[in-house]
Each structure stands twice: as structure tokens, then as C-alpha cells.
Amino acid sequence: MSRDFANKSSANRASASPKPKAPDPQEVAQRKELPAWSWLIFGVVLGFGLARFLDEDKPVPEIPPAPVTEQAPLPAPAVSEQNSDSEERKRFDFYNLLPQQEVTMEEVPEYKSTPRDAENLPSYMLQVGSFKSRADAERFSEGLKRKKYSPVIAESSNGWHRVRIGPFKGRRELNKAQNDMSRSGIQSLLIRLPQ
């Protein structure tokens, strides 16, 4: 015969686990518990008392005072004139040694740089865009013209239209243009032109 353990009757449950009785109020009044802080104080006092008791059991060793002996002052050694002169010579001998060790330097002619000619300076261009369609490249170059740049559209052999500005002869102009493009959110590519 099989049993259904999941659906036991409530009568069986009540008899299986009896409810605990509520404590009697008189018993609670008689049984007063000490607060936690009182146990802490009791432990500290007990610890100090035990430490004092264990410390008193050990005898304190008496150390005899050190014997005091008086020493007579030592006589100062006699200083001779010859001895002091030789010591000073030994102490200050570097005055004689340094001039002997002096190193003379050869004079090197001063380097003078030759300024570059403006014709010999390299030229740079900035590529600021690359587009697949010519219309996009022209639209982008119109925005650059409003910023007072003269863009050039170069078509490559594989069909890309590259928008470039320049040429710039000096680094100062080039850096100004790069900073302006960066502030506008345009990434630029530096191209050095052959001379």
C-alpha cells in the first residue's frame, strides 16, 4: 500500500510537533540576566587581577650599583714645532698638487649654423578627406573654401577622390592648418611633397 507523504492530514501534523509553552511571567521575573557590558567589565577586572598575581610571584633581581672609580686626567702630550709643521704640510699638500694636475683645454671654434634657404625647405600638403563619389568631395571642399582654404580634389586610379589643402612652405602655417582641422573634427594626413 502506498502513502501520500505530500498531503498528510493536519491532525497528524499537530500531534507530531507539540507547541512550546509560553514562559510563566513569575519565572521570567525571577530569572534576571546580566547586561553584556557587565560581563565585559568583569572580564577586564579578572584579567588585571590575574596579571598582578602572576607578576608578584617573580622575585625582582637586585642589581648592585657599579663601582665608581676616579680616573686622573691624562697629561697633554708635548707638541713640538717640527711635528706641527710637517702635519700641516701633509694636511694641506693639495695646494701644491692641484696646479701640477691642471688640464688645459684646446679651444674649439664656435659652431655657427647656416640658415636654410626658403627654396630648399620641404613643402607639405594636408589630405583632409577621401570620397568615393566626386559630388561628396566637392561638397566637402565647399566647406573648406568657407574656412578660407584652397582645396584641391585629386582623383586616384582606383576611383577615390582625395581632398587636399596646401601646399605649406613653413611648419607654422602647417601646424595652424592641422590645429584648425582638428578643432573642426576633421582628421588630416600629412603628405610631404617631393622637391
Protein backbone atom coordinates (compact mmCIF):
# COMPACT_ATOMS: atom_id res chain seq x y z
CA MET A 1 0.00 0.00 0.00
CA SER A 2 1.35 3.40 -0.95
CA ARG A 3 1.26 6.53 1.18
CA ASP A 4 0.87 10.15 0.18
CA PHE A 5 3.57 11.98 2.12
CA ALA A 6 2.91 15.33 0.43
CA ASN A 7 -0.71 15.59 1.61
CA LYS A 8 -0.70 14.49 5.21
CA SER A 9 -3.68 15.37 7.29
CA SER A 10 -3.45 18.40 9.57
CA ALA A 11 -4.36 16.23 12.59
CA ASN A 12 -1.17 14.20 12.15
CA ARG A 13 0.91 17.36 11.94
CA ALA A 14 -0.48 18.84 15.12
CA SER A 15 0.24 15.74 17.15
CA ALA A 16 3.72 15.28 15.67
CA SER A 17 5.15 18.63 16.85
CA PRO A 18 3.74 19.97 20.10
CA LYS A 19 3.77 23.74 20.61
CA PRO A 20 6.12 25.02 23.28
CA LYS A 21 4.53 26.54 26.33
CA ALA A 22 4.75 30.25 26.92
CA PRO A 23 7.03 31.00 29.88
CA ASP A 24 5.35 31.86 33.12
CA PRO A 25 5.64 35.60 33.98
CA GLN A 26 6.76 34.76 37.54
CA GLU A 27 9.64 32.63 36.23
CA VAL A 28 10.75 35.46 33.93
CA ALA A 29 10.77 37.94 36.81
CA GLN A 30 12.90 35.62 38.98
CA ARG A 31 15.39 34.91 36.20
CA LYS A 32 17.16 38.29 35.53
CA GLU A 33 20.03 38.23 33.09
CA LEU A 34 23.05 40.50 33.41
CA PRO A 35 23.67 43.01 30.59
CA ALA A 36 26.55 42.38 28.16
CA TRP A 37 28.64 45.36 29.32
CA SER A 38 28.76 43.94 32.86
CA TRP A 39 30.39 40.75 31.54
CA LEU A 40 32.97 42.89 29.74
CA ILE A 41 33.87 44.79 32.91
CA PHE A 42 34.04 41.54 34.87
CA GLY A 43 36.49 40.07 32.31
CA VAL A 44 38.75 43.15 32.35
CA VAL A 45 38.90 43.23 36.17
CA LEU A 46 39.60 39.49 36.31
CA GLY A 47 42.40 39.89 33.71
CA PHE A 48 44.12 42.70 35.65
CA GLY A 49 43.87 40.77 38.90
CA LEU A 50 45.37 37.65 37.34
CA ALA A 51 48.21 39.66 35.78
CA ARG A 52 49.09 41.28 39.13
CA PHE A 53 49.01 37.93 40.88
CA LEU A 54 51.34 36.31 38.35
CA ASP A 55 53.68 39.33 38.37
CA GLU A 56 54.08 39.29 42.19
CA ASP A 57 55.27 35.67 42.19
CA LYS A 58 58.52 36.53 40.39
CA PRO A 59 61.25 37.96 42.61
CA VAL A 60 62.78 41.20 41.39
CA PRO A 61 66.53 40.71 40.87
CA GLU A 62 68.60 43.28 42.68
CA ILE A 63 71.38 44.73 40.60
CA PRO A 64 74.31 46.00 42.62
CA PRO A 65 75.42 49.51 41.72
CA ALA A 66 78.51 49.77 39.55
CA PRO A 67 81.72 50.61 41.43
CA VAL A 68 82.80 54.19 40.95
CA THR A 69 86.48 54.68 40.18
CA GLU A 70 88.07 58.04 39.81
CA GLN A 71 90.47 58.50 36.96
CA ALA A 72 93.19 61.06 36.97
CA PRO A 73 93.23 63.36 33.95
CA LEU A 74 95.78 62.33 31.36
CA PRO A 75 98.63 64.76 30.77
CA ALA A 76 98.56 66.51 27.41
CA PRO A 77 101.29 65.35 25.02
CA ALA A 78 104.04 67.82 24.35
CA VAL A 79 103.73 69.43 20.93
CA SER A 80 106.91 70.13 19.09
CA GLU A 81 107.33 72.82 16.43
CA GLN A 82 108.77 70.44 13.84
CA ASN A 83 105.97 67.92 14.24
CA SER A 84 103.20 70.50 13.72
CA ASP A 85 104.83 71.93 10.57
CA SER A 86 105.11 68.52 8.93
CA GLU A 87 101.48 67.75 9.81
CA GLU A 88 100.32 70.97 8.17
CA ARG A 89 102.32 70.15 5.08
CA LYS A 90 100.66 66.74 4.93
CA ARG A 91 97.21 68.19 5.57
CA PHE A 92 97.47 70.99 3.03
CA ASP A 93 99.57 69.33 0.37
CA PHE A 94 96.79 69.61 -2.21
CA TYR A 95 97.68 73.27 -2.81
CA ASN A 96 100.87 72.04 -4.41
CA LEU A 97 99.33 69.04 -6.14
CA LEU A 98 96.44 70.81 -7.87
CA PRO A 99 98.46 73.19 -10.07
CA GLN A 100 100.54 70.23 -11.24
CA GLN A 101 97.41 68.31 -12.26
CA GLU A 102 95.75 71.18 -14.11
CA VAL A 103 94.44 70.20 -17.54
CA THR A 104 94.42 72.75 -20.33
CA MET A 105 91.63 72.58 -22.87
CA GLU A 106 92.04 73.25 -26.55
CA GLU A 107 89.86 75.99 -27.90
CA VAL A 108 87.17 74.66 -30.20
CA PRO A 109 85.77 77.04 -32.80
CA GLU A 110 82.18 78.03 -32.13
CA TYR A 111 79.57 76.25 -34.27
CA LYS A 112 77.51 78.53 -36.42
CA SER A 113 74.53 77.07 -38.20
CA THR A 114 73.77 78.05 -41.73
CA PRO A 115 70.20 79.20 -42.24
CA ARG A 116 68.19 77.28 -44.80
CA ASP A 117 67.04 78.96 -47.91
CA ALA A 118 63.31 79.27 -48.35
CA GLU A 119 63.70 77.44 -51.66
CA ASN A 120 65.29 74.40 -50.00
CA LEU A 121 62.57 73.95 -47.38
CA PRO A 122 60.27 70.96 -47.97
CA SER A 123 56.65 71.58 -48.91
CA TYR A 124 53.72 69.83 -47.26
CA MET A 125 50.07 69.19 -48.07
CA LEU A 126 47.27 68.00 -45.84
CA GLN A 127 44.85 65.38 -47.08
CA VAL A 128 41.62 66.12 -45.25
CA GLY A 129 39.19 63.77 -46.97
CA SER A 130 38.82 60.83 -49.33
CA PHE A 131 35.49 60.11 -51.02
CA LYS A 132 34.18 57.52 -53.46
CA SER A 133 31.93 59.98 -55.32
CA ARG A 134 33.02 63.28 -56.85
CA ALA A 135 29.89 65.06 -55.56
CA ASP A 136 30.79 64.27 -51.93
CA ALA A 137 34.33 65.53 -52.47
CA GLU A 138 33.06 68.81 -54.00
CA ARG A 139 30.56 69.31 -51.16
CA PHE A 140 33.35 68.82 -48.62
CA SER A 141 35.69 71.20 -50.48
CA GLU A 142 32.97 73.92 -50.44
CA GLY A 143 33.04 73.78 -46.62
CA LEU A 144 36.82 74.19 -46.69
CA LYS A 145 36.52 77.20 -49.02
CA ARG A 146 34.28 78.87 -46.42
CA LYS A 147 37.16 78.44 -43.94
CA LYS A 148 39.42 80.29 -46.41
CA TYR A 149 41.40 77.25 -47.59
CA SER A 150 42.01 76.41 -51.22
CA PRO A 151 41.20 72.68 -51.54
CA VAL A 152 42.34 70.57 -54.46
CA ILE A 153 40.49 67.41 -55.50
CA ALA A 154 42.79 64.71 -56.86
CA GLU A 155 41.35 61.58 -58.42
CA SER A 156 43.31 58.37 -57.96
CA SER A 157 43.49 55.44 -60.35
CA ASN A 158 41.22 53.26 -58.20
CA GLY A 159 38.33 55.76 -58.19
CA TRP A 160 38.85 57.64 -54.90
CA HIS A 161 38.59 61.43 -54.83
CA ARG A 162 41.07 62.90 -52.35
CA VAL A 163 40.59 66.40 -50.96
CA ARG A 164 43.87 68.15 -50.10
CA ILE A 165 44.80 71.61 -48.89
CA GLY A 166 48.14 73.31 -49.27
CA PRO A 167 51.00 73.39 -50.18
CA PHE A 168 52.50 74.83 -46.99
CA LYS A 169 56.09 76.08 -47.06
CA GLY A 170 56.59 76.64 -43.34
CA ARG A 171 55.82 74.48 -40.32
CA ARG A 172 53.97 77.34 -38.65
CA GLU A 173 51.33 77.51 -41.41
CA LEU A 174 51.09 73.72 -41.48
CA ASN A 175 50.58 73.43 -37.72
CA LYS A 176 47.92 76.16 -37.80
CA ALA A 177 46.01 74.31 -40.54
CA GLN A 178 46.31 70.97 -38.68
CA ASN A 179 45.00 72.54 -35.46
CA ASP A 180 42.12 74.15 -37.34
CA MET A 181 41.16 70.82 -38.93
CA SER A 182 41.40 69.04 -35.58
CA ARG A 183 39.12 71.61 -33.92
CA SER A 184 36.61 71.10 -36.74
CA GLY A 185 36.65 67.34 -36.15
CA ILE A 186 38.42 66.57 -39.42
CA GLN A 187 41.26 64.07 -39.39
CA SER A 188 44.14 65.15 -41.58
CA LEU A 189 47.02 63.25 -43.14
CA LEU A 190 50.39 64.99 -43.63
CA ILE A 191 51.94 64.50 -47.08
CA ARG A 192 55.48 65.67 -47.82
CA LEU A 193 55.85 66.80 -51.40
CA PRO A 194 58.96 65.83 -53.38
CA GLN A 195 61.35 68.71 -54.11
